Amino acid sequence: MLDLNFMAEIAPDMAAALLMTINLSILSVLISIILGAILTFTRITGGVFTRYLIIGFVEFTRGTPPLVHISIIYFLLPQFGIVLSEFWSGIVALSLIGAGYTIEIFRGAIESISEGQTDAAKALGLTRIQGYFLILMPQAVRRSLPPLTNELANVVKASSLLSVISVNELTKVANDLIFVHFVVIEVLIELTVMYLMVVGILMGVSRWLEKRMK
């Protein structure tokens, strides 16, 4: 039998943790998309060194666990004099993880666009950068929206790993409550419902945007 009174008692703590997770997710997703778009343009138009540097970043991001990125940002960077708070370490780590995937998604979408679009941008007198961000990128976003949403949902779920650096997001607070009260089922139920809410909202916004773009 579920202890509903206990679930109501811990609800404020879980709600505060949910707000932290939402803040982390929104900032990380936005930075991931912006950084991914910029690095995709750099990869397509840059020189050989720049192109292979970005390819190396993508392969490293996709080939290593998210926890490695979090550890590098939080534990390794201070050795070089770069010290970030737990919150901003989490933002940077999640943003870089998301960008590593969005680069490939955007690249594939842009390569599927007819070269006539680029020629049309040149005919309108647009610069290469203007043509990319005003002509190609809007089409690429529309084509890549489903896989992009899936990857960004993974970024949201990866925020649970920030508990290892003491960010008070959902998983960290849920674990603390379990250790203090020795109650598992009720805490896990609230944790699951809240993650489903965040990811569900992201998926809903994606579907709405997809219909609008059509």
C-alpha atoms as a PDB file:
ATOM      1  CA  MET A   1       0.000   0.000   0.000  1.00  0.00           C
ATOM      2  CA  LEU A   2       1.406   3.354  -1.042  1.00  0.00           C
ATOM      3  CA  ASP A   3       1.952   5.958   1.662  1.00  0.00           C
ATOM      4  CA  LEU A   4       0.166   8.911   0.061  1.00  0.00           C
ATOM      5  CA  ASN A   5       0.846  11.150   3.038  1.00  0.00           C
ATOM      6  CA  PHE A   6       4.588  10.614   2.631  1.00  0.00           C
ATOM      7  CA  MET A   7       4.327  11.321  -1.106  1.00  0.00           C
ATOM      8  CA  ALA A   8       2.564  14.603  -0.325  1.00  0.00           C
ATOM      9  CA  GLU A   9       5.206  15.410   2.289  1.00  0.00           C
ATOM     10  CA  ILE A  10       8.127  15.011  -0.134  1.00  0.00           C
ATOM     11  CA  ALA A  11       6.312  16.711  -3.029  1.00  0.00           C
ATOM     12  CA  PRO A  12       7.764  20.210  -2.325  1.00  0.00           C
ATOM     13  CA  ASP A  13      11.345  18.861  -2.331  1.00  0.00           C
ATOM     14  CA  MET A  14      10.711  16.919  -5.524  1.00  0.00           C
ATOM     15  CA  ALA A  15       9.045  19.955  -7.134  1.00  0.00           C
ATOM     16  CA  ALA A  16      12.095  22.098  -6.363  1.00  0.00           C
ATOM     17  CA  ALA A  17      14.317  19.403  -7.864  1.00  0.00           C
ATOM     18  CA  LEU A  18      12.027  19.253 -10.905  1.00  0.00           C
ATOM     19  CA  LEU A  19      12.465  23.000 -11.395  1.00  0.00           C
ATOM     20  CA  MET A  20      16.245  22.544 -11.279  1.00  0.00           C
ATOM     21  CA  THR A  21      16.028  19.737 -13.857  1.00  0.00           C
ATOM     22  CA  ILE A  22      13.852  21.884 -16.128  1.00  0.00           C
ATOM     23  CA  ASN A  23      16.296  24.798 -15.880  1.00  0.00           C
ATOM     24  CA  LEU A  24      19.214  22.488 -16.678  1.00  0.00           C
ATOM     25  CA  SER A  25      17.328  20.921 -19.579  1.00  0.00           C
ATOM     26  CA  ILE A  26      16.147  24.165 -21.184  1.00  0.00           C
ATOM     27  CA  LEU A  27      19.561  25.827 -21.049  1.00  0.00           C
ATOM     28  CA  SER A  28      21.380  22.701 -22.226  1.00  0.00           C
ATOM     29  CA  VAL A  29      18.958  22.065 -25.097  1.00  0.00           C
ATOM     30  CA  LEU A  30      19.114  25.655 -26.341  1.00  0.00           C
ATOM     31  CA  ILE A  31      22.913  25.779 -26.164  1.00  0.00           C
ATOM     32  CA  SER A  32      23.138  22.353 -27.832  1.00  0.00           C
ATOM     33  CA  ILE A  33      21.055  23.495 -30.797  1.00  0.00           C
ATOM     34  CA  ILE A  34      22.893  26.812 -31.224  1.00  0.00           C
ATOM     35  CA  LEU A  35      26.341  25.250 -30.815  1.00  0.00           C
ATOM     36  CA  GLY A  36      25.404  22.361 -33.086  1.00  0.00           C
ATOM     37  CA  ALA A  37      24.234  24.725 -35.839  1.00  0.00           C
ATOM     38  CA  ILE A  38      27.412  26.837 -35.633  1.00  0.00           C
ATOM     39  CA  LEU A  39      29.758  23.844 -35.596  1.00  0.00           C
ATOM     40  CA  THR A  40      27.877  22.217 -38.471  1.00  0.00           C
ATOM     41  CA  PHE A  41      28.409  25.351 -40.562  1.00  0.00           C
ATOM     42  CA  THR A  42      32.081  25.401 -39.558  1.00  0.00           C
ATOM     43  CA  ARG A  43      32.467  21.742 -40.462  1.00  0.00           C
ATOM     44  CA  ILE A  44      30.881  22.215 -43.880  1.00  0.00           C
ATOM     45  CA  THR A  45      32.685  25.421 -44.824  1.00  0.00           C
ATOM     46  CA  GLY A  46      35.915  25.236 -42.816  1.00  0.00           C
ATOM     47  CA  GLY A  47      39.355  24.022 -43.786  1.00  0.00           C
ATOM     48  CA  VAL A  48      40.683  20.504 -43.445  1.00  0.00           C
ATOM     49  CA  PHE A  49      42.084  21.029 -39.932  1.00  0.00           C
ATOM     50  CA  THR A  50      38.851  22.568 -38.640  1.00  0.00           C
ATOM     51  CA  ARG A  51      36.748  19.867 -40.268  1.00  0.00           C
ATOM     52  CA  TYR A  52      38.737  17.027 -38.719  1.00  0.00           C
ATOM     53  CA  LEU A  53      38.809  18.775 -35.366  1.00  0.00           C
ATOM     54  CA  ILE A  54      35.003  18.861 -35.304  1.00  0.00           C
ATOM     55  CA  ILE A  55      34.799  15.278 -36.547  1.00  0.00           C
ATOM     56  CA  GLY A  56      37.092  14.280 -33.672  1.00  0.00           C
ATOM     57  CA  PHE A  57      34.827  16.100 -31.220  1.00  0.00           C
ATOM     58  CA  VAL A  58      31.760  14.325 -32.609  1.00  0.00           C
ATOM     59  CA  GLU A  59      33.412  10.900 -32.445  1.00  0.00           C
ATOM     60  CA  PHE A  60      34.649  11.508 -28.896  1.00  0.00           C
ATOM     61  CA  THR A  61      31.197  12.660 -27.778  1.00  0.00           C
ATOM     62  CA  ARG A  62      29.366   9.751 -29.366  1.00  0.00           C
ATOM     63  CA  GLY A  63      31.945   7.173 -28.319  1.00  0.00           C
ATOM     64  CA  THR A  64      32.224   7.963 -24.606  1.00  0.00           C
ATOM     65  CA  PRO A  65      29.664   7.837 -21.764  1.00  0.00           C
ATOM     66  CA  PRO A  66      28.102  11.120 -20.612  1.00  0.00           C
ATOM     67  CA  LEU A  67      29.638  10.595 -17.179  1.00  0.00           C
ATOM     68  CA  VAL A  68      33.102  10.973 -18.740  1.00  0.00           C
ATOM     69  CA  HIS A  69      32.190  14.427 -20.071  1.00  0.00           C
ATOM     70  CA  ILE A  70      30.763  15.494 -16.726  1.00  0.00           C
ATOM     71  CA  SER A  71      33.917  14.307 -14.942  1.00  0.00           C
ATOM     72  CA  ILE A  72      36.197  16.128 -17.401  1.00  0.00           C
ATOM     73  CA  ILE A  73      34.350  19.427 -16.983  1.00  0.00           C
ATOM     74  CA  TYR A  74      34.021  19.275 -13.209  1.00  0.00           C
ATOM     75  CA  PHE A  75      37.206  17.497 -12.105  1.00  0.00           C
ATOM     76  CA  LEU A  76      39.771  18.021 -14.884  1.00  0.00           C
ATOM     77  CA  LEU A  77      39.237  21.639 -15.950  1.00  0.00           C
ATOM     78  CA  PRO A  78      40.078  23.019 -12.464  1.00  0.00           C
ATOM     79  CA  GLN A  79      43.552  21.526 -12.939  1.00  0.00           C
ATOM     80  CA  PHE A  80      43.998  24.090 -15.722  1.00  0.00           C
ATOM     81  CA  GLY A  81      42.587  26.978 -13.709  1.00  0.00           C
ATOM     82  CA  ILE A  82      39.020  26.744 -15.105  1.00  0.00           C
ATOM     83  CA  VAL A  83      36.657  26.363 -12.158  1.00  0.00           C
ATOM     84  CA  LEU A  84      32.913  26.168 -12.697  1.00  0.00           C
ATOM     85  CA  SER A  85      30.123  25.670 -10.202  1.00  0.00           C
ATOM     86  CA  GLU A  86      28.270  22.356 -10.107  1.00  0.00           C
ATOM     87  CA  PHE A  87      25.348  23.906 -11.965  1.00  0.00           C
ATOM     88  CA  TRP A  88      27.404  25.396 -14.800  1.00  0.00           C
ATOM     89  CA  SER A  89      29.619  22.324 -15.031  1.00  0.00           C
ATOM     90  CA  GLY A  90      26.437  20.373 -15.665  1.00  0.00           C
ATOM     91  CA  ILE A  91      25.204  22.860 -18.257  1.00  0.00           C
ATOM     92  CA  VAL A  92      28.512  22.802 -20.155  1.00  0.00           C
ATOM     93  CA  ALA A  93      28.735  19.005 -20.075  1.00  0.00           C
ATOM     94  CA  LEU A  94      25.145  18.417 -21.217  1.00  0.00           C
ATOM     95  CA  SER A  95      25.437  21.101 -23.912  1.00  0.00           C
ATOM     96  CA  LEU A  96      28.583  19.543 -25.366  1.00  0.00           C
ATOM     97  CA  ILE A  97      26.997  16.085 -25.288  1.00  0.00           C
ATOM     98  CA  GLY A  98      23.913  17.368 -27.105  1.00  0.00           C
ATOM     99  CA  ALA A  99      25.974  19.351 -29.614  1.00  0.00           C
ATOM    100  CA  GLY A 100      27.981  16.262 -30.540  1.00  0.00           C
ATOM    101  CA  TYR A 101      24.796  14.571 -31.724  1.00  0.00           C
ATOM    102  CA  THR A 102      23.053  17.601 -33.234  1.00  0.00           C
ATOM    103  CA  ILE A 103      26.067  18.279 -35.471  1.00  0.00           C
ATOM    104  CA  GLU A 104      25.593  14.953 -37.226  1.00  0.00           C
ATOM    105  CA  ILE A 105      21.828  15.364 -37.383  1.00  0.00           C
ATOM    106  CA  PHE A 106      22.092  18.852 -38.926  1.00  0.00           C
ATOM    107  CA  ARG A 107      24.844  17.751 -41.307  1.00  0.00           C
ATOM    108  CA  GLY A 108      22.748  14.898 -42.661  1.00  0.00           C
ATOM    109  CA  ALA A 109      19.712  17.155 -43.042  1.00  0.00           C
ATOM    110  CA  ILE A 110      21.672  19.888 -44.854  1.00  0.00           C
ATOM    111  CA  GLU A 111      23.292  17.407 -47.232  1.00  0.00           C
ATOM    112  CA  SER A 112      19.816  16.174 -48.184  1.00  0.00           C
ATOM    113  CA  ILE A 113      18.796  19.663 -49.341  1.00  0.00           C
ATOM    114  CA  SER A 114      19.082  20.373 -53.047  1.00  0.00           C
ATOM    115  CA  GLU A 115      22.116  22.413 -54.113  1.00  0.00           C
ATOM    116  CA  GLY A 116      19.656  24.643 -55.961  1.00  0.00           C
ATOM    117  CA  GLN A 117      18.776  26.171 -52.593  1.00  0.00           C
ATOM    118  CA  THR A 118      22.374  27.338 -52.184  1.00  0.00           C
ATOM    119  CA  ASP A 119      22.376  28.723 -55.725  1.00  0.00           C
ATOM    120  CA  ALA A 120      19.125  30.557 -55.016  1.00  0.00           C
ATOM    121  CA  ALA A 121      20.651  32.132 -51.897  1.00  0.00           C
ATOM    122  CA  LYS A 122      23.615  33.344 -53.951  1.00  0.00           C
ATOM    123  CA  ALA A 123      21.252  34.716 -56.606  1.00  0.00           C
ATOM    124  CA  LEU A 124      19.508  36.735 -53.892  1.00  0.00           C
ATOM    125  CA  GLY A 125      22.835  38.281 -52.954  1.00  0.00           C
ATOM    126  CA  LEU A 126      23.087  36.529 -49.600  1.00  0.00           C
ATOM    127  CA  THR A 127      26.482  35.771 -48.113  1.00  0.00           C
ATOM    128  CA  ARG A 128      27.461  32.216 -47.306  1.00  0.00           C
ATOM    129  CA  ILE A 129      26.610  32.692 -43.647  1.00  0.00           C
ATOM    130  CA  GLN A 130      23.277  34.355 -44.445  1.00  0.00           C
ATOM    131  CA  GLY A 131      22.376  31.610 -46.890  1.00  0.00           C
ATOM    132  CA  TYR A 132      23.206  28.956 -44.313  1.00  0.00           C
ATOM    133  CA  PHE A 133      21.228  30.423 -41.420  1.00  0.00           C
ATOM    134  CA  LEU A 134      18.346  31.958 -43.392  1.00  0.00           C
ATOM    135  CA  ILE A 135      17.822  29.386 -46.158  1.00  0.00           C
ATOM    136  CA  LEU A 136      19.418  26.041 -45.336  1.00  0.00           C
ATOM    137  CA  MET A 137      19.146  25.818 -41.547  1.00  0.00           C
ATOM    138  CA  PRO A 138      15.348  26.400 -41.315  1.00  0.00           C
ATOM    139  CA  GLN A 139      14.839  23.563 -43.819  1.00  0.00           C
ATOM    140  CA  ALA A 140      17.362  21.378 -41.992  1.00  0.00           C
ATOM    141  CA  VAL A 141      15.597  21.918 -38.658  1.00  0.00           C
ATOM    142  CA  ARG A 142      12.269  20.905 -40.186  1.00  0.00           C
ATOM    143  CA  ARG A 143      13.746  17.736 -41.706  1.00  0.00           C
ATOM    144  CA  SER A 144      15.721  16.777 -38.600  1.00  0.00           C
ATOM    145  CA  LEU A 145      13.082  17.547 -35.962  1.00  0.00           C
ATOM    146  CA  PRO A 146      12.143  13.930 -35.020  1.00  0.00           C
ATOM    147  CA  PRO A 147      15.716  12.624 -34.515  1.00  0.00           C
ATOM    148  CA  LEU A 148      16.727  15.946 -32.976  1.00  0.00           C
ATOM    149  CA  THR A 149      13.942  15.665 -30.405  1.00  0.00           C
ATOM    150  CA  ASN A 150      14.995  12.128 -29.502  1.00  0.00           C
ATOM    151  CA  GLU A 151      18.574  13.204 -28.887  1.00  0.00           C
ATOM    152  CA  LEU A 152      17.525  16.234 -26.847  1.00  0.00           C
ATOM    153  CA  ALA A 153      15.277  13.969 -24.752  1.00  0.00           C
ATOM    154  CA  ASN A 154      18.384  11.881 -24.088  1.00  0.00           C
ATOM    155  CA  VAL A 155      20.134  15.045 -22.885  1.00  0.00           C
ATOM    156  CA  VAL A 156      17.282  15.640 -20.431  1.00  0.00           C
ATOM    157  CA  LYS A 157      17.598  12.086 -19.112  1.00  0.00           C
ATOM    158  CA  ALA A 158      21.390  12.422 -18.939  1.00  0.00           C
ATOM    159  CA  SER A 159      20.862  15.286 -16.467  1.00  0.00           C
ATOM    160  CA  SER A 160      20.258  12.574 -13.857  1.00  0.00           C
ATOM    161  CA  LEU A 161      24.017  11.858 -13.957  1.00  0.00           C
ATOM    162  CA  LEU A 162      24.711  15.314 -12.542  1.00  0.00           C
ATOM    163  CA  SER A 163      23.845  13.850  -9.158  1.00  0.00           C
ATOM    164  CA  VAL A 164      27.463  12.624  -9.007  1.00  0.00           C
ATOM    165  CA  ILE A 165      28.665  16.249  -8.791  1.00  0.00           C
ATOM    166  CA  SER A 166      25.994  17.175  -6.230  1.00  0.00           C
ATOM    167  CA  VAL A 167      23.645  19.126  -8.479  1.00  0.00           C
ATOM    168  CA  ASN A 168      20.267  19.094  -6.728  1.00  0.00           C
ATOM    169  CA  GLU A 169      18.316  17.775  -9.691  1.00  0.00           C
ATOM    170  CA  LEU A 170      15.617  15.095  -9.514  1.00  0.00           C
ATOM    171  CA  THR A 171      17.790  12.001  -9.143  1.00  0.00           C
ATOM    172  CA  LYS A 172      20.046  13.556  -6.488  1.00  0.00           C
ATOM    173  CA  VAL A 173      17.112  14.712  -4.356  1.00  0.00           C
ATOM    174  CA  ALA A 174      15.303  11.383  -4.821  1.00  0.00           C
ATOM    175  CA  ASN A 175      18.382   9.449  -3.661  1.00  0.00           C
ATOM    176  CA  ASP A 176      18.765  11.736  -0.649  1.00  0.00           C
ATOM    177  CA  LEU A 177      15.134  11.183   0.311  1.00  0.00           C
ATOM    178  CA  ILE A 178      15.536   7.417   0.016  1.00  0.00           C
ATOM    179  CA  PHE A 179      18.640   7.418   2.224  1.00  0.00           C
ATOM    180  CA  VAL A 180      17.009   9.641   4.855  1.00  0.00           C
ATOM    181  CA  HIS A 181      13.557   8.023   5.037  1.00  0.00           C
ATOM    182  CA  PHE A 182      14.339   4.481   3.809  1.00  0.00           C
ATOM    183  CA  VAL A 183      11.303   4.632   1.534  1.00  0.00           C
ATOM    184  CA  VAL A 184      11.876   3.564  -2.055  1.00  0.00           C
ATOM    185  CA  ILE A 185       8.665   2.893  -3.975  1.00  0.00           C
ATOM    186  CA  GLU A 186       6.921   6.206  -3.281  1.00  0.00           C
ATOM    187  CA  VAL A 187      10.030   8.235  -4.134  1.00  0.00           C
ATOM    188  CA  LEU A 188      10.647   6.289  -7.349  1.00  0.00           C
ATOM    189  CA  ILE A 189       7.034   6.757  -8.427  1.00  0.00           C
ATOM    190  CA  GLU A 190       7.268  10.544  -8.063  1.00  0.00           C
ATOM    191  CA  LEU A 191      10.678  10.528  -9.764  1.00  0.00           C
ATOM    192  CA  THR A 192       9.364   8.542 -12.731  1.00  0.00           C
ATOM    193  CA  VAL A 193       6.239  10.684 -13.116  1.00  0.00           C
ATOM    194  CA  MET A 194       8.284  13.893 -13.117  1.00  0.00           C
ATOM    195  CA  TYR A 195      10.771  12.658 -15.719  1.00  0.00           C
ATOM    196  CA  LEU A 196       7.875  11.518 -17.891  1.00  0.00           C
ATOM    197  CA  MET A 197       6.360  14.995 -17.554  1.00  0.00           C
ATOM    198  CA  VAL A 198       9.534  16.761 -18.703  1.00  0.00           C
ATOM    199  CA  VAL A 199      10.232  14.430 -21.620  1.00  0.00           C
ATOM    200  CA  GLY A 200       6.540  14.344 -22.528  1.00  0.00           C
ATOM    201  CA  ILE A 201       6.397  18.142 -22.728  1.00  0.00           C
ATOM    202  CA  LEU A 202       9.495  18.144 -24.952  1.00  0.00           C
ATOM    203  CA  MET A 203       7.928  15.540 -27.249  1.00  0.00           C
ATOM    204  CA  GLY A 204       4.647  17.448 -27.312  1.00  0.00           C
ATOM    205  CA  VAL A 205       6.363  20.697 -28.297  1.00  0.00           C
ATOM    206  CA  SER A 206       8.238  18.799 -31.009  1.00  0.00           C
ATOM    207  CA  ARG A 207       5.038  17.352 -32.465  1.00  0.00           C
ATOM    208  CA  TRP A 208       3.390  20.778 -32.362  1.00  0.00           C
ATOM    209  CA  LEU A 209       6.334  22.366 -34.178  1.00  0.00           C
ATOM    210  CA  GLU A 210       6.335  19.549 -36.735  1.00  0.00           C
ATOM    211  CA  LYS A 211       2.673  20.174 -37.548  1.00  0.00           C
ATOM    212  CA  ARG A 212       3.230  23.933 -37.735  1.00  0.00           C
ATOM    213  CA  MET A 213       6.171  23.496 -40.092  1.00  0.00           C
ATOM    214  CA  LYS A 214       4.133  21.290 -42.411  1.00  0.00           C
END
